[in-house]
Amino acid sequence: MEELITLKELLHQGKVAEALVIVEELEEMSKSDKLNKIFSYGIILLVHLIKQVAEQRSTKSWETSIFNSVKQIQ
């Protein structure tokens, strides 16, 4: 949130080049956050798929978790 306040101040001051640096940093943070979420959903997906194979059964909650994980990854 602090970055957005700084960005706003820089834009009001006409310091576009410095504002663009902050925008690039925010983009990188956003990409990193997305990758972390994909990784987390991937772990959940693999755990439930492994449980299905290992136990040779499935539960409604596993099916829901698998469906939700795939949807979030997409």
C-alpha atoms as a PDB file:
ATOM      1  CA  MET A   1       0.000   0.000   0.000  1.00  0.00           C
ATOM      2  CA  GLU A   2       2.906   2.303   0.730  1.00  0.00           C
ATOM      3  CA  GLU A   3       4.091   1.879  -2.855  1.00  0.00           C
ATOM      4  CA  LEU A   4       0.766   3.154  -4.195  1.00  0.00           C
ATOM      5  CA  ILE A   5       0.951   6.275  -2.041  1.00  0.00           C
ATOM      6  CA  THR A   6       4.503   6.927  -3.208  1.00  0.00           C
ATOM      7  CA  LEU A   7       3.450   6.319  -6.798  1.00  0.00           C
ATOM      8  CA  LYS A   8       0.613   8.816  -6.488  1.00  0.00           C
ATOM      9  CA  GLU A   9       2.927  11.431  -4.976  1.00  0.00           C
ATOM     10  CA  LEU A  10       5.518  10.964  -7.719  1.00  0.00           C
ATOM     11  CA  LEU A  11       2.880  11.329 -10.411  1.00  0.00           C
ATOM     12  CA  HIS A  12       1.537  14.515  -8.798  1.00  0.00           C
ATOM     13  CA  GLN A  13       5.096  15.857  -8.770  1.00  0.00           C
ATOM     14  CA  GLY A  14       5.548  14.984 -12.444  1.00  0.00           C
ATOM     15  CA  LYS A  15       8.326  12.478 -11.739  1.00  0.00           C
ATOM     16  CA  VAL A  16       7.199   9.966 -14.344  1.00  0.00           C
ATOM     17  CA  ALA A  17      10.502   8.067 -14.638  1.00  0.00           C
ATOM     18  CA  GLU A  18      10.608   7.400 -10.896  1.00  0.00           C
ATOM     19  CA  ALA A  19       6.928   6.424 -10.936  1.00  0.00           C
ATOM     20  CA  LEU A  20       7.603   3.895 -13.707  1.00  0.00           C
ATOM     21  CA  VAL A  21      10.263   2.235 -11.559  1.00  0.00           C
ATOM     22  CA  ILE A  22       7.665   1.666  -8.840  1.00  0.00           C
ATOM     23  CA  VAL A  23       5.169   0.343 -11.410  1.00  0.00           C
ATOM     24  CA  GLU A  24       7.763  -2.185 -12.615  1.00  0.00           C
ATOM     25  CA  GLU A  25       8.418  -3.281  -9.028  1.00  0.00           C
ATOM     26  CA  LEU A  26       4.677  -3.752  -8.453  1.00  0.00           C
ATOM     27  CA  GLU A  27       4.427  -5.827 -11.648  1.00  0.00           C
ATOM     28  CA  GLU A  28       7.238  -8.103 -10.448  1.00  0.00           C
ATOM     29  CA  MET A  29       5.571  -8.519  -7.062  1.00  0.00           C
ATOM     30  CA  SER A  30       2.313  -9.408  -8.800  1.00  0.00           C
ATOM     31  CA  LYS A  31       4.028 -12.027 -10.990  1.00  0.00           C
ATOM     32  CA  SER A  32       5.755 -13.539  -7.966  1.00  0.00           C
ATOM     33  CA  ASP A  33       2.463 -13.693  -6.070  1.00  0.00           C
ATOM     34  CA  LYS A  34       0.764 -15.448  -8.990  1.00  0.00           C
ATOM     35  CA  LEU A  35       3.564 -18.019  -9.234  1.00  0.00           C
ATOM     36  CA  ASN A  36       3.357 -18.697  -5.494  1.00  0.00           C
ATOM     37  CA  LYS A  37      -0.399 -19.271  -5.738  1.00  0.00           C
ATOM     38  CA  ILE A  38       0.015 -21.627  -8.717  1.00  0.00           C
ATOM     39  CA  PHE A  39       2.679 -23.550  -6.795  1.00  0.00           C
ATOM     40  CA  SER A  40       0.439 -23.832  -3.719  1.00  0.00           C
ATOM     41  CA  TYR A  41      -2.546 -25.080  -5.731  1.00  0.00           C
ATOM     42  CA  GLY A  42      -0.227 -27.494  -7.543  1.00  0.00           C
ATOM     43  CA  ILE A  43       0.854 -29.003  -4.217  1.00  0.00           C
ATOM     44  CA  ILE A  44      -2.766 -29.429  -3.107  1.00  0.00           C
ATOM     45  CA  LEU A  45      -3.633 -31.007  -6.443  1.00  0.00           C
ATOM     46  CA  LEU A  46      -0.740 -33.472  -6.293  1.00  0.00           C
ATOM     47  CA  VAL A  47      -1.477 -34.466  -2.689  1.00  0.00           C
ATOM     48  CA  HIS A  48      -5.068 -35.388  -3.496  1.00  0.00           C
ATOM     49  CA  LEU A  49      -4.158 -37.170  -6.722  1.00  0.00           C
ATOM     50  CA  ILE A  50      -1.514 -39.191  -4.865  1.00  0.00           C
ATOM     51  CA  LYS A  51      -4.045 -40.036  -2.126  1.00  0.00           C
ATOM     52  CA  GLN A  52      -6.499 -41.285  -4.761  1.00  0.00           C
ATOM     53  CA  VAL A  53      -3.902 -43.599  -6.302  1.00  0.00           C
ATOM     54  CA  ALA A  54      -2.393 -44.777  -3.009  1.00  0.00           C
ATOM     55  CA  GLU A  55      -5.713 -45.492  -1.333  1.00  0.00           C
ATOM     56  CA  GLN A  56      -7.477 -46.579  -4.529  1.00  0.00           C
ATOM     57  CA  ARG A  57     -10.514 -44.535  -3.569  1.00  0.00           C
ATOM     58  CA  SER A  58     -11.756 -40.981  -3.613  1.00  0.00           C
ATOM     59  CA  THR A  59     -13.884 -38.736  -1.449  1.00  0.00           C
ATOM     60  CA  LYS A  60     -16.172 -35.859  -2.277  1.00  0.00           C
ATOM     61  CA  SER A  61     -13.819 -33.418  -0.541  1.00  0.00           C
ATOM     62  CA  TRP A  62     -10.836 -34.679  -2.567  1.00  0.00           C
ATOM     63  CA  GLU A  63     -12.818 -34.364  -5.791  1.00  0.00           C
ATOM     64  CA  THR A  64     -13.846 -30.833  -4.855  1.00  0.00           C
ATOM     65  CA  SER A  65     -10.293 -29.911  -3.905  1.00  0.00           C
ATOM     66  CA  ILE A  66      -8.933 -31.312  -7.184  1.00  0.00           C
ATOM     67  CA  PHE A  67     -11.571 -29.436  -9.183  1.00  0.00           C
ATOM     68  CA  ASN A  68     -10.923 -26.172  -7.324  1.00  0.00           C
ATOM     69  CA  SER A  69      -7.139 -26.492  -7.639  1.00  0.00           C
ATOM     70  CA  VAL A  70      -7.315 -27.093 -11.384  1.00  0.00           C
ATOM     71  CA  LYS A  71      -9.687 -24.167 -11.801  1.00  0.00           C
ATOM     72  CA  GLN A  72      -7.421 -21.827  -9.803  1.00  0.00           C
ATOM     73  CA  ILE A  73      -4.305 -22.930 -11.700  1.00  0.00           C
ATOM     74  CA  GLN A  74      -6.035 -22.262 -15.023  1.00  0.00           C
END
